[in-house]
Amino acid sequence: QVQLVESGGGLVQAGGSLRLSCAASGRTFSRYSMGWFRQAPGKEREFVARIGWKGVSTYLADSVKGRFTISRDDAKNTVYLQMNNLKPEDTAVYFCAADDPTGVAGIYDYWGQGTQVTVSS
């Protein structure tokens, strides 16, 4: 029902910025809460940010507050993660995910393939 494709990852120096994009298919995109997660080598998947349906609310992990911003453009079926002041510990594969409102709240039903973000020191 929903396909997610991330883009915008790459190599950046510490202190730099990147903007990740997640392009979604589907006719009910605006009703989906959207999230960003990341997974570093040898570590568990980590929550990064969430934005509610129609962008009503946002929530950020403590580790990225003040540095990252999540937003969405429903007209373009796209969710963004603006990452500023990047640190080496931000290095990970970043995944976009969609929470279907017809399913269990808080459980993400669809996932993208991920995009690599590497921050050099």
PDB file of N, CA and C in Angstrom:
ATOM      1  N   GLN A   1       0.821  -1.204   0.000  1.00  0.00           N
ATOM      2  CA  GLN A   1       0.000   0.000   0.000  1.00  0.00           C
ATOM      3  C   GLN A   1       0.862   1.263   0.000  1.00  0.00           C
ATOM      4  N   VAL A   2       2.004   1.218   0.697  1.00  0.00           N
ATOM      5  CA  VAL A   2       2.886   2.368   0.799  1.00  0.00           C
ATOM      6  C   VAL A   2       4.312   1.934   0.495  1.00  0.00           C
ATOM      7  N   GLN A   3       4.982   2.700  -0.338  1.00  0.00           N
ATOM      8  CA  GLN A   3       6.388   2.488  -0.631  1.00  0.00           C
ATOM      9  C   GLN A   3       7.163   3.747  -0.268  1.00  0.00           C
ATOM     10  N   LEU A   4       8.270   3.574   0.444  1.00  0.00           N
ATOM     11  CA  LEU A   4       9.071   4.689   0.920  1.00  0.00           C
ATOM     12  C   LEU A   4      10.474   4.596   0.346  1.00  0.00           C
ATOM     13  N   VAL A   5      10.985   5.707  -0.147  1.00  0.00           N
ATOM     14  CA  VAL A   5      12.322   5.763  -0.719  1.00  0.00           C
ATOM     15  C   VAL A   5      13.070   6.946  -0.135  1.00  0.00           C
ATOM     16  N   GLU A   6      14.154   6.655   0.597  1.00  0.00           N
ATOM     17  CA  GLU A   6      14.969   7.703   1.197  1.00  0.00           C
ATOM     18  C   GLU A   6      16.050   8.172   0.234  1.00  0.00           C
ATOM     19  N   SER A   7      16.463   9.412   0.399  1.00  0.00           N
ATOM     20  CA  SER A   7      17.565   9.964  -0.369  1.00  0.00           C
ATOM     21  C   SER A   7      18.197  11.097   0.423  1.00  0.00           C
ATOM     22  N   GLY A   8      19.362  11.541  -0.020  1.00  0.00           N
ATOM     23  CA  GLY A   8      20.019  12.677   0.601  1.00  0.00           C
ATOM     24  C   GLY A   8      21.169  12.332   1.515  1.00  0.00           C
ATOM     25  N   GLY A   9      21.416  11.053   1.731  1.00  0.00           N
ATOM     26  CA  GLY A   9      22.535  10.663   2.567  1.00  0.00           C
ATOM     27  C   GLY A   9      23.853  10.893   1.854  1.00  0.00           C
ATOM     28  N   GLY A  10      24.927  10.773   2.611  1.00  0.00           N
ATOM     29  CA  GLY A  10      26.243  10.969   2.041  1.00  0.00           C
ATOM     30  C   GLY A  10      27.293  11.161   3.107  1.00  0.00           C
ATOM     31  N   LEU A  11      28.431  11.639   2.684  1.00  0.00           N
ATOM     32  CA  LEU A  11      29.563  11.889   3.573  1.00  0.00           C
ATOM     33  C   LEU A  11      29.658  13.375   3.860  1.00  0.00           C
ATOM     34  N   VAL A  12      29.763  13.714   5.137  1.00  0.00           N
ATOM     35  CA  VAL A  12      29.854  15.107   5.540  1.00  0.00           C
ATOM     36  C   VAL A  12      30.818  15.223   6.711  1.00  0.00           C
ATOM     37  N   GLN A  13      31.472  16.355   6.813  1.00  0.00           N
ATOM     38  CA  GLN A  13      32.374  16.597   7.932  1.00  0.00           C
ATOM     39  C   GLN A  13      31.599  16.989   9.182  1.00  0.00           C
ATOM     40  N   ALA A  14      32.178  16.698  10.333  1.00  0.00           N
ATOM     41  CA  ALA A  14      31.562  17.089  11.596  1.00  0.00           C
ATOM     42  C   ALA A  14      31.255  18.580  11.599  1.00  0.00           C
ATOM     43  N   GLY A  15      30.059  18.921  12.093  1.00  0.00           N
ATOM     44  CA  GLY A  15      29.617  20.299  12.103  1.00  0.00           C
ATOM     45  C   GLY A  15      28.827  20.700  10.876  1.00  0.00           C
ATOM     46  N   GLY A  16      28.814  19.843   9.880  1.00  0.00           N
ATOM     47  CA  GLY A  16      28.096  20.122   8.652  1.00  0.00           C
ATOM     48  C   GLY A  16      26.632  19.740   8.738  1.00  0.00           C
ATOM     49  N   SER A  17      25.946  19.863   7.610  1.00  0.00           N
ATOM     50  CA  SER A  17      24.511  19.607   7.554  1.00  0.00           C
ATOM     51  C   SER A  17      24.147  18.732   6.368  1.00  0.00           C
ATOM     52  N   LEU A  18      23.061  18.005   6.525  1.00  0.00           N
ATOM     53  CA  LEU A  18      22.462  17.225   5.458  1.00  0.00           C
ATOM     54  C   LEU A  18      20.948  17.295   5.606  1.00  0.00           C
ATOM     55  N   ARG A  19      20.246  17.174   4.501  1.00  0.00           N
ATOM     56  CA  ARG A  19      18.799  17.052   4.542  1.00  0.00           C
ATOM     57  C   ARG A  19      18.395  15.753   3.865  1.00  0.00           C
ATOM     58  N   LEU A  20      17.772  14.880   4.635  1.00  0.00           N
ATOM     59  CA  LEU A  20      17.269  13.629   4.107  1.00  0.00           C
ATOM     60  C   LEU A  20      15.834  13.807   3.635  1.00  0.00           C
ATOM     61  N   SER A  21      15.494  13.114   2.565  1.00  0.00           N
ATOM     62  CA  SER A  21      14.142  13.141   2.034  1.00  0.00           C
ATOM     63  C   SER A  21      13.590  11.726   1.982  1.00  0.00           C
ATOM     64  N   CYS A  22      12.304  11.615   2.184  1.00  0.00           N
ATOM     65  CA  CYS A  22      11.611  10.334   2.095  1.00  0.00           C
ATOM     66  C   CYS A  22      10.397  10.536   1.215  1.00  0.00           C
ATOM     67  N   ALA A  23      10.435   9.981   0.024  1.00  0.00           N
ATOM     68  CA  ALA A  23       9.330  10.085  -0.917  1.00  0.00           C
ATOM     69  C   ALA A  23       8.413   8.884  -0.750  1.00  0.00           C
ATOM     70  N   ALA A  24       7.125   9.150  -0.600  1.00  0.00           N
ATOM     71  CA  ALA A  24       6.156   8.097  -0.322  1.00  0.00           C
ATOM     72  C   ALA A  24       5.114   7.986  -1.420  1.00  0.00           C
ATOM     73  N   SER A  25       4.731   6.764  -1.684  1.00  0.00           N
ATOM     74  CA  SER A  25       3.584   6.510  -2.543  1.00  0.00           C
ATOM     75  C   SER A  25       2.361   6.341  -1.655  1.00  0.00           C
ATOM     76  N   GLY A  26       1.184   6.285  -2.268  1.00  0.00           N
ATOM     77  CA  GLY A  26      -0.022   6.094  -1.497  1.00  0.00           C
ATOM     78  C   GLY A  26      -0.977   7.266  -1.591  1.00  0.00           C
ATOM     79  N   ARG A  27      -2.242   6.970  -1.460  1.00  0.00           N
ATOM     80  CA  ARG A  27      -3.279   7.983  -1.601  1.00  0.00           C
ATOM     81  C   ARG A  27      -3.683   8.641  -0.292  1.00  0.00           C
ATOM     82  N   THR A  28      -3.227   8.103   0.826  1.00  0.00           N
ATOM     83  CA  THR A  28      -3.600   8.632   2.133  1.00  0.00           C
ATOM     84  C   THR A  28      -2.379   9.059   2.938  1.00  0.00           C
ATOM     85  N   PHE A  29      -1.381   9.598   2.264  1.00  0.00           N
ATOM     86  CA  PHE A  29      -0.126   9.963   2.915  1.00  0.00           C
ATOM     87  C   PHE A  29      -0.324  10.907   4.094  1.00  0.00           C
ATOM     88  N   SER A  30      -1.188  11.900   3.939  1.00  0.00           N
ATOM     89  CA  SER A  30      -1.358  12.910   4.980  1.00  0.00           C
ATOM     90  C   SER A  30      -1.900  12.343   6.279  1.00  0.00           C
ATOM     91  N   ARG A  31      -2.499  11.161   6.233  1.00  0.00           N
ATOM     92  CA  ARG A  31      -3.050  10.536   7.428  1.00  0.00           C
ATOM     93  C   ARG A  31      -2.010   9.721   8.199  1.00  0.00           C
ATOM     94  N   TYR A  32      -0.861   9.475   7.600  1.00  0.00           N
ATOM     95  CA  TYR A  32       0.168   8.660   8.227  1.00  0.00           C
ATOM     96  C   TYR A  32       1.071   9.502   9.107  1.00  0.00           C
ATOM     97  N   SER A  33       1.301   9.046  10.332  1.00  0.00           N
ATOM     98  CA  SER A  33       2.413   9.565  11.101  1.00  0.00           C
ATOM     99  C   SER A  33       3.689   8.997  10.493  1.00  0.00           C
ATOM    100  N   MET A  34       4.732   9.808  10.444  1.00  0.00           N
ATOM    101  CA  MET A  34       5.976   9.400   9.814  1.00  0.00           C
ATOM    102  C   MET A  34       7.127   9.506  10.802  1.00  0.00           C
ATOM    103  N   GLY A  35       8.053   8.581  10.687  1.00  0.00           N
ATOM    104  CA  GLY A  35       9.184   8.580  11.590  1.00  0.00           C
ATOM    105  C   GLY A  35      10.501   8.378  10.874  1.00  0.00           C
ATOM    106  N   TRP A  36      11.554   8.842  11.521  1.00  0.00           N
ATOM    107  CA  TRP A  36      12.920   8.568  11.094  1.00  0.00           C
ATOM    108  C   TRP A  36      13.611   7.762  12.189  1.00  0.00           C
ATOM    109  N   PHE A  37      14.306   6.726  11.778  1.00  0.00           N
ATOM    110  CA  PHE A  37      15.093   5.888  12.666  1.00  0.00           C
ATOM    111  C   PHE A  37      16.496   5.768  12.099  1.00  0.00           C
ATOM    112  N   ARG A  38      17.422   5.324  12.925  1.00  0.00           N
ATOM    113  CA  ARG A  38      18.770   5.092  12.435  1.00  0.00           C
ATOM    114  C   ARG A  38      19.372   3.874  13.119  1.00  0.00           C
ATOM    115  N   GLN A  39      20.314   3.263  12.435  1.00  0.00           N
ATOM    116  CA  GLN A  39      21.002   2.101  12.979  1.00  0.00           C
ATOM    117  C   GLN A  39      22.476   2.169  12.606  1.00  0.00           C
ATOM    118  N   ALA A  40      23.311   2.241  13.625  1.00  0.00           N
ATOM    119  CA  ALA A  40      24.747   2.253  13.439  1.00  0.00           C
ATOM    120  C   ALA A  40      25.270   0.822  13.481  1.00  0.00           C
ATOM    121  N   PRO A  41      26.419   0.568  12.882  1.00  0.00           N
ATOM    122  CA  PRO A  41      26.990  -0.785  12.889  1.00  0.00           C
ATOM    123  C   PRO A  41      27.141  -1.330  14.302  1.00  0.00           C
ATOM    124  N   GLY A  42      26.634  -2.534  14.533  1.00  0.00           N
ATOM    125  CA  GLY A  42      26.748  -3.172  15.826  1.00  0.00           C
ATOM    126  C   GLY A  42      25.821  -2.648  16.895  1.00  0.00           C
ATOM    127  N   LYS A  43      24.900  -1.757  16.540  1.00  0.00           N
ATOM    128  CA  LYS A  43      23.990  -1.181  17.515  1.00  0.00           C
ATOM    129  C   LYS A  43      22.537  -1.437  17.133  1.00  0.00           C
ATOM    130  N   GLU A  44      21.654  -1.258  18.118  1.00  0.00           N
ATOM    131  CA  GLU A  44      20.228  -1.440  17.891  1.00  0.00           C
ATOM    132  C   GLU A  44      19.653  -0.257  17.115  1.00  0.00           C
ATOM    133  N   ARG A  45      18.538  -0.494  16.461  1.00  0.00           N
ATOM    134  CA  ARG A  45      17.822   0.574  15.786  1.00  0.00           C
ATOM    135  C   ARG A  45      17.390   1.620  16.803  1.00  0.00           C
ATOM    136  N   GLU A  46      17.548   2.877  16.454  1.00  0.00           N
ATOM    137  CA  GLU A  46      17.299   3.982  17.363  1.00  0.00           C
ATOM    138  C   GLU A  46      16.274   4.942  16.767  1.00  0.00           C
ATOM    139  N   PHE A  47      15.317   5.339  17.579  1.00  0.00           N
ATOM    140  CA  PHE A  47      14.345   6.341  17.162  1.00  0.00           C
ATOM    141  C   PHE A  47      15.010   7.702  17.065  1.00  0.00           C
ATOM    142  N   VAL A  48      14.666   8.459  16.027  1.00  0.00           N
ATOM    143  CA  VAL A  48      15.225   9.787  15.818  1.00  0.00           C
ATOM    144  C   VAL A  48      14.159  10.871  15.894  1.00  0.00           C
ATOM    145  N   ALA A  49      13.094  10.735  15.103  1.00  0.00           N
ATOM    146  CA  ALA A  49      12.089  11.792  15.034  1.00  0.00           C
ATOM    147  C   ALA A  49      10.766  11.244  14.518  1.00  0.00           C
ATOM    148  N   ARG A  50       9.689  11.924  14.888  1.00  0.00           N
ATOM    149  CA  ARG A  50       8.358  11.547  14.446  1.00  0.00           C
ATOM    150  C   ARG A  50       7.546  12.799  14.163  1.00  0.00           C
ATOM    151  N   ILE A  51       6.695  12.730  13.150  1.00  0.00           N
ATOM    152  CA  ILE A  51       5.790  13.827  12.841  1.00  0.00           C
ATOM    153  C   ILE A  51       4.402  13.247  12.629  1.00  0.00           C
ATOM    154  N   GLY A  52       3.407  13.873  13.243  1.00  0.00           N
ATOM    155  CA  GLY A  52       2.050  13.371  13.191  1.00  0.00           C
ATOM    156  C   GLY A  52       1.367  13.640  11.866  1.00  0.00           C
ATOM    157  N   TRP A  53       0.174  13.081  11.748  1.00  0.00           N
ATOM    158  CA  TRP A  53      -0.582  13.278  10.511  1.00  0.00           C
ATOM    159  C   TRP A  53      -0.852  14.760  10.283  1.00  0.00           C
ATOM    160  N   LYS A  54      -0.690  15.185   9.058  1.00  0.00           N
ATOM    161  CA  LYS A  54      -0.842  16.579   8.637  1.00  0.00           C
ATOM    162  C   LYS A  54       0.148  17.511   9.337  1.00  0.00           C
ATOM    163  N   GLY A  55       1.179  16.952   9.938  1.00  0.00           N
ATOM    164  CA  GLY A  55       2.205  17.749  10.597  1.00  0.00           C
ATOM    165  C   GLY A  55       1.738  18.442  11.860  1.00  0.00           C
ATOM    166  N   VAL A  56       0.715  17.901  12.511  1.00  0.00           N
ATOM    167  CA  VAL A  56       0.153  18.530  13.694  1.00  0.00           C
ATOM    168  C   VAL A  56       1.145  18.587  14.849  1.00  0.00           C
ATOM    169  N   SER A  57       1.938  17.542  15.008  1.00  0.00           N
ATOM    170  CA  SER A  57       2.871  17.487  16.121  1.00  0.00           C
ATOM    171  C   SER A  57       4.168  16.823  15.690  1.00  0.00           C
ATOM    172  N   THR A  58       5.233  17.134  16.415  1.00  0.00           N
ATOM    173  CA  THR A  58       6.529  16.513  16.169  1.00  0.00           C
ATOM    174  C   THR A  58       7.139  16.066  17.483  1.00  0.00           C
ATOM    175  N   TYR A  59       8.030  15.101  17.402  1.00  0.00           N
ATOM    176  CA  TYR A  59       8.714  14.600  18.579  1.00  0.00           C
ATOM    177  C   TYR A  59      10.116  14.181  18.158  1.00  0.00           C
ATOM    178  N   LEU A  60      11.116  14.612  18.922  1.00  0.00           N
ATOM    179  CA  LEU A  60      12.511  14.326  18.613  1.00  0.00           C
ATOM    180  C   LEU A  60      13.179  13.598  19.768  1.00  0.00           C
ATOM    181  N   ALA A  61      14.080  12.707  19.433  1.00  0.00           N
ATOM    182  CA  ALA A  61      14.883  12.057  20.456  1.00  0.00           C
ATOM    183  C   ALA A  61      15.779  13.087  21.136  1.00  0.00           C
ATOM    184  N   ASP A  62      16.053  12.875  22.412  1.00  0.00           N
ATOM    185  CA  ASP A  62      16.878  13.820  23.159  1.00  0.00           C
ATOM    186  C   ASP A  62      18.250  14.020  22.523  1.00  0.00           C
ATOM    187  N   SER A  63      18.778  12.979  21.912  1.00  0.00           N
ATOM    188  CA  SER A  63      20.111  13.037  21.343  1.00  0.00           C
ATOM    189  C   SER A  63      20.220  13.983  20.147  1.00  0.00           C
ATOM    190  N   VAL A  64      19.082  14.324  19.537  1.00  0.00           N
ATOM    191  CA  VAL A  64      19.123  15.171  18.351  1.00  0.00           C
ATOM    192  C   VAL A  64      18.363  16.477  18.522  1.00  0.00           C
ATOM    193  N   LYS A  65      17.735  16.687  19.665  1.00  0.00           N
ATOM    194  CA  LYS A  65      17.012  17.936  19.903  1.00  0.00           C
ATOM    195  C   LYS A  65      17.957  19.130  19.784  1.00  0.00           C
ATOM    196  N   GLY A  66      17.477  20.160  19.110  1.00  0.00           N
ATOM    197  CA  GLY A  66      18.289  21.340  18.897  1.00  0.00           C
ATOM    198  C   GLY A  66      19.168  21.261  17.676  1.00  0.00           C
ATOM    199  N   ARG A  67      19.271  20.073  17.085  1.00  0.00           N
ATOM    200  CA  ARG A  67      20.107  19.899  15.899  1.00  0.00           C
ATOM    201  C   ARG A  67      19.306  19.430  14.684  1.00  0.00           C
ATOM    202  N   PHE A  68      18.336  18.551  14.906  1.00  0.00           N
ATOM    203  CA  PHE A  68      17.555  17.977  13.809  1.00  0.00           C
ATOM    204  C   PHE A  68      16.147  18.555  13.803  1.00  0.00           C
ATOM    205  N   THR A  69      15.545  18.600  12.621  1.00  0.00           N
ATOM    206  CA  THR A  69      14.170  19.038  12.460  1.00  0.00           C
ATOM    207  C   THR A  69      13.459  18.114  11.482  1.00  0.00           C
ATOM    208  N   ILE A  70      12.269  17.666  11.852  1.00  0.00           N
ATOM    209  CA  ILE A  70      11.471  16.849  10.954  1.00  0.00           C
ATOM    210  C   ILE A  70      10.324  17.701  10.410  1.00  0.00           C
ATOM    211  N   SER A  71      10.012  17.524   9.141  1.00  0.00           N
ATOM    212  CA  SER A  71       8.923  18.257   8.515  1.00  0.00           C
ATOM    213  C   SER A  71       8.323  17.402   7.409  1.00  0.00           C
ATOM    214  N   ARG A  72       7.175  17.833   6.905  1.00  0.00           N
ATOM    215  CA  ARG A  72       6.543  17.093   5.818  1.00  0.00           C
ATOM    216  C   ARG A  72       5.864  18.051   4.856  1.00  0.00           C
ATOM    217  N   ASP A  73       5.814  17.641   3.611  1.00  0.00           N
ATOM    218  CA  ASP A  73       5.124  18.370   2.567  1.00  0.00           C
ATOM    219  C   ASP A  73       4.142  17.393   1.945  1.00  0.00           C
ATOM    220  N   ASP A  74       2.900  17.435   2.400  1.00  0.00           N
ATOM    221  CA  ASP A  74       1.912  16.461   1.950  1.00  0.00           C
ATOM    222  C   ASP A  74       1.578  16.608   0.471  1.00  0.00           C
ATOM    223  N   ALA A  75       1.724  17.814  -0.073  1.00  0.00           N
ATOM    224  CA  ALA A  75       1.476  18.027  -1.489  1.00  0.00           C
ATOM    225  C   ALA A  75       2.471  17.263  -2.353  1.00  0.00           C
ATOM    226  N   LYS A  76       3.666  17.014  -1.799  1.00  0.00           N
ATOM    227  CA  LYS A  76       4.704  16.281  -2.511  1.00  0.00           C
ATOM    228  C   LYS A  76       4.884  14.860  -1.994  1.00  0.00           C
ATOM    229  N   ASN A  77       4.063  14.459  -1.034  1.00  0.00           N
ATOM    230  CA  ASN A  77       4.186  13.131  -0.423  1.00  0.00           C
ATOM    231  C   ASN A  77       5.612  12.880   0.063  1.00  0.00           C
ATOM    232  N   THR A  78       6.164  13.860   0.742  1.00  0.00           N
ATOM    233  CA  THR A  78       7.562  13.787   1.145  1.00  0.00           C
ATOM    234  C   THR A  78       7.743  14.217   2.594  1.00  0.00           C
ATOM    235  N   VAL A  79       8.603  13.497   3.305  1.00  0.00           N
ATOM    236  CA  VAL A  79       9.003  13.836   4.663  1.00  0.00           C
ATOM    237  C   VAL A  79      10.490  14.154   4.649  1.00  0.00           C
ATOM    238  N   TYR A  80      10.888  15.138   5.448  1.00  0.00           N
ATOM    239  CA  TYR A  80      12.275  15.576   5.478  1.00  0.00           C
ATOM    240  C   TYR A  80      12.853  15.449   6.877  1.00  0.00           C
ATOM    241  N   LEU A  81      14.152  15.247   6.927  1.00  0.00           N
ATOM    242  CA  LEU A  81      14.894  15.325   8.171  1.00  0.00           C
ATOM    243  C   LEU A  81      16.083  16.243   7.934  1.00  0.00           C
ATOM    244  N   GLN A  82      15.994  17.452   8.467  1.00  0.00           N
ATOM    245  CA  GLN A  82      17.090  18.406   8.371  1.00  0.00           C
ATOM    246  C   GLN A  82      18.042  18.147   9.528  1.00  0.00           C
ATOM    247  N   MET A  83      19.283  17.855   9.223  1.00  0.00           N
ATOM    248  CA  MET A  83      20.280  17.509  10.222  1.00  0.00           C
ATOM    249  C   MET A  83      21.385  18.554  10.202  1.00  0.00           C
ATOM    250  N   ASN A  84      21.511  19.274  11.303  1.00  0.00           N
ATOM    251  CA  ASN A  84      22.530  20.303  11.444  1.00  0.00           C
ATOM    252  C   ASN A  84      23.509  19.919  12.543  1.00  0.00           C
ATOM    253  N   ASN A  85      24.673  20.548  12.513  1.00  0.00           N
ATOM    254  CA  ASN A  85      25.699  20.300  13.526  1.00  0.00           C
ATOM    255  C   ASN A  85      25.963  18.813  13.709  1.00  0.00           C
ATOM    256  N   LEU A  86      26.166  18.140  12.613  1.00  0.00           N
ATOM    257  CA  LEU A  86      26.340  16.693  12.646  1.00  0.00           C
ATOM    258  C   LEU A  86      27.603  16.292  13.394  1.00  0.00           C
ATOM    259  N   LYS A  87      27.498  15.170  14.081  1.00  0.00           N
ATOM    260  CA  LYS A  87      28.584  14.621  14.867  1.00  0.00           C
ATOM    261  C   LYS A  87      28.928  13.221  14.366  1.00  0.00           C
ATOM    262  N   PRO A  88      30.144  12.758  14.606  1.00  0.00           N
ATOM    263  CA  PRO A  88      30.505  11.403  14.177  1.00  0.00           C
ATOM    264  C   PRO A  88      29.549  10.337  14.694  1.00  0.00           C
ATOM    265  N   GLU A  89      29.002  10.515  15.895  1.00  0.00           N
ATOM    266  CA  GLU A  89      28.076   9.545  16.452  1.00  0.00           C
ATOM    267  C   GLU A  89      26.730   9.520  15.738  1.00  0.00           C
ATOM    268  N   ASP A  90      26.495  10.462  14.831  1.00  0.00           N
ATOM    269  CA  ASP A  90      25.289  10.434  14.004  1.00  0.00           C
ATOM    270  C   ASP A  90      25.430   9.483  12.826  1.00  0.00           C
ATOM    271  N   THR A  91      26.617   8.966  12.605  1.00  0.00           N
ATOM    272  CA  THR A  91      26.852   8.049  11.503  1.00  0.00           C
ATOM    273  C   THR A  91      25.982   6.803  11.652  1.00  0.00           C
ATOM    274  N   ALA A  92      25.193   6.516  10.627  1.00  0.00           N
ATOM    275  CA  ALA A  92      24.272   5.385  10.672  1.00  0.00           C
ATOM    276  C   ALA A  92      23.547   5.289   9.341  1.00  0.00           C
ATOM    277  N   VAL A  93      22.823   4.197   9.176  1.00  0.00           N
ATOM    278  CA  VAL A  93      21.852   4.104   8.098  1.00  0.00           C
ATOM    279  C   VAL A  93      20.547   4.676   8.625  1.00  0.00           C
ATOM    280  N   TYR A  94      19.983   5.623   7.913  1.00  0.00           N
ATOM    281  CA  TYR A  94      18.753   6.284   8.331  1.00  0.00           C
ATOM    282  C   TYR A  94      17.573   5.727   7.546  1.00  0.00           C
ATOM    283  N   PHE A  95      16.525   5.359   8.274  1.00  0.00           N
ATOM    284  CA  PHE A  95      15.340   4.759   7.690  1.00  0.00           C
ATOM    285  C   PHE A  95      14.116   5.643   7.899  1.00  0.00           C
ATOM    286  N   CYS A  96      13.319   5.742   6.876  1.00  0.00           N
ATOM    287  CA  CYS A  96      12.022   6.390   6.954  1.00  0.00           C
ATOM    288  C   CYS A  96      10.964   5.319   7.193  1.00  0.00           C
ATOM    289  N   ALA A  97       9.963   5.624   8.011  1.00  0.00           N
ATOM    290  CA  ALA A  97       8.915   4.665   8.319  1.00  0.00           C
ATOM    291  C   ALA A  97       7.563   5.356   8.404  1.00  0.00           C
ATOM    292  N   ALA A  98       6.512   4.603   8.096  1.00  0.00           N
ATOM    293  CA  ALA A  98       5.151   5.121   8.105  1.00  0.00           C
ATOM    294  C   ALA A  98       4.285   4.331   9.078  1.00  0.00           C
ATOM    295  N   ASP A  99       3.507   5.054   9.872  1.00  0.00           N
ATOM    296  CA  ASP A  99       2.596   4.465  10.852  1.00  0.00           C
ATOM    297  C   ASP A  99       1.182   4.580  10.300  1.00  0.00           C
ATOM    298  N   ASP A 100       0.644   3.475   9.853  1.00  0.00           N
ATOM    299  CA  ASP A 100      -0.695   3.435   9.273  1.00  0.00           C
ATOM    300  C   ASP A 100      -1.737   3.720  10.346  1.00  0.00           C
ATOM    301  N   PRO A 101      -2.563   4.753  10.180  1.00  0.00           N
ATOM    302  CA  PRO A 101      -3.552   5.081  11.211  1.00  0.00           C
ATOM    303  C   PRO A 101      -4.642   4.034  11.373  1.00  0.00           C
ATOM    304  N   THR A 102      -4.803   3.151  10.409  1.00  0.00           N
ATOM    305  CA  THR A 102      -5.797   2.090  10.523  1.00  0.00           C
ATOM    306  C   THR A 102      -5.249   0.877  11.264  1.00  0.00           C
ATOM    307  N   GLY A 103      -3.960   0.872  11.565  1.00  0.00           N
ATOM    308  CA  GLY A 103      -3.336  -0.208  12.293  1.00  0.00           C
ATOM    309  C   GLY A 103      -3.159   0.130  13.762  1.00  0.00           C
ATOM    310  N   VAL A 104      -2.204  -0.535  14.400  1.00  0.00           N
ATOM    311  CA  VAL A 104      -1.922  -0.305  15.809  1.00  0.00           C
ATOM    312  C   VAL A 104      -1.123   0.982  15.955  1.00  0.00           C
ATOM    313  N   ALA A 105      -1.630   1.889  16.771  1.00  0.00           N
ATOM    314  CA  ALA A 105      -0.958   3.164  16.977  1.00  0.00           C
ATOM    315  C   ALA A 105       0.435   2.955  17.552  1.00  0.00           C
ATOM    316  N   GLY A 106       1.406   3.673  16.994  1.00  0.00           N
ATOM    317  CA  GLY A 106       2.767   3.587  17.473  1.00  0.00           C
ATOM    318  C   GLY A 106       3.600   2.491  16.844  1.00  0.00           C
ATOM    319  N   ILE A 107       2.976   1.628  16.077  1.00  0.00           N
ATOM    320  CA  ILE A 107       3.678   0.562  15.374  1.00  0.00           C
ATOM    321  C   ILE A 107       3.831   0.966  13.916  1.00  0.00           C
ATOM    322  N   TYR A 108       5.066   0.999  13.440  1.00  0.00           N
ATOM    323  CA  TYR A 108       5.326   1.412  12.065  1.00  0.00           C
ATOM    324  C   TYR A 108       5.116   0.246  11.117  1.00  0.00           C
ATOM    325  N   ASP A 109       4.320   0.477  10.098  1.00  0.00           N
ATOM    326  CA  ASP A 109       3.878  -0.580   9.202  1.00  0.00           C
ATOM    327  C   ASP A 109       4.698  -0.690   7.927  1.00  0.00           C
ATOM    328  N   TYR A 110       5.325   0.387   7.512  1.00  0.00           N
ATOM    329  CA  TYR A 110       6.094   0.406   6.278  1.00  0.00           C
ATOM    330  C   TYR A 110       7.442   1.061   6.511  1.00  0.00           C
ATOM    331  N   TRP A 111       8.455   0.528   5.837  1.00  0.00           N
ATOM    332  CA  TRP A 111       9.829   1.007   5.997  1.00  0.00           C
ATOM    333  C   TRP A 111      10.501   1.186   4.655  1.00  0.00           C
ATOM    334  N   GLY A 112      11.364   2.196   4.568  1.00  0.00           N
ATOM    335  CA  GLY A 112      12.188   2.371   3.399  1.00  0.00           C
ATOM    336  C   GLY A 112      13.437   1.514   3.477  1.00  0.00           C
ATOM    337  N   GLN A 113      14.253   1.558   2.445  1.00  0.00           N
ATOM    338  CA  GLN A 113      15.454   0.741   2.392  1.00  0.00           C
ATOM    339  C   GLN A 113      16.634   1.370   3.118  1.00  0.00           C
ATOM    340  N   GLY A 114      16.554   2.637   3.433  1.00  0.00           N
ATOM    341  CA  GLY A 114      17.600   3.305   4.179  1.00  0.00           C
ATOM    342  C   GLY A 114      18.562   4.086   3.305  1.00  0.00           C
ATOM    343  N   THR A 115      19.176   5.092   3.906  1.00  0.00           N
ATOM    344  CA  THR A 115      20.207   5.870   3.238  1.00  0.00           C
ATOM    345  C   THR A 115      21.358   6.094   4.217  1.00  0.00           C
ATOM    346  N   GLN A 116      22.570   5.928   3.744  1.00  0.00           N
ATOM    347  CA  GLN A 116      23.747   5.995   4.604  1.00  0.00           C
ATOM    348  C   GLN A 116      24.159   7.435   4.863  1.00  0.00           C
ATOM    349  N   VAL A 117      24.371   7.749   6.132  1.00  0.00           N
ATOM    350  CA  VAL A 117      24.928   9.031   6.538  1.00  0.00           C
ATOM    351  C   VAL A 117      26.236   8.758   7.265  1.00  0.00           C
ATOM    352  N   THR A 118      27.308   9.341   6.780  1.00  0.00           N
ATOM    353  CA  THR A 118      28.615   9.172   7.391  1.00  0.00           C
ATOM    354  C   THR A 118      29.182  10.541   7.739  1.00  0.00           C
ATOM    355  N   VAL A 119      29.515  10.721   9.003  1.00  0.00           N
ATOM    356  CA  VAL A 119      30.061  11.987   9.486  1.00  0.00           C
ATOM    357  C   VAL A 119      31.503  11.763   9.897  1.00  0.00           C
ATOM    358  N   SER A 120      32.411  12.447   9.246  1.00  0.00           N
ATOM    359  CA  SER A 120      33.828  12.305   9.533  1.00  0.00           C
ATOM    360  C   SER A 120      34.263  13.324  10.573  1.00  0.00           C
ATOM    361  N   SER A 121      35.231  12.956  11.384  1.00  0.00           N
ATOM    362  CA  SER A 121      35.734  13.832  12.425  1.00  0.00           C
ATOM    363  C   SER A 121      36.941  14.621  11.957  1.00  0.00           C
TER     364      SER A 121
END
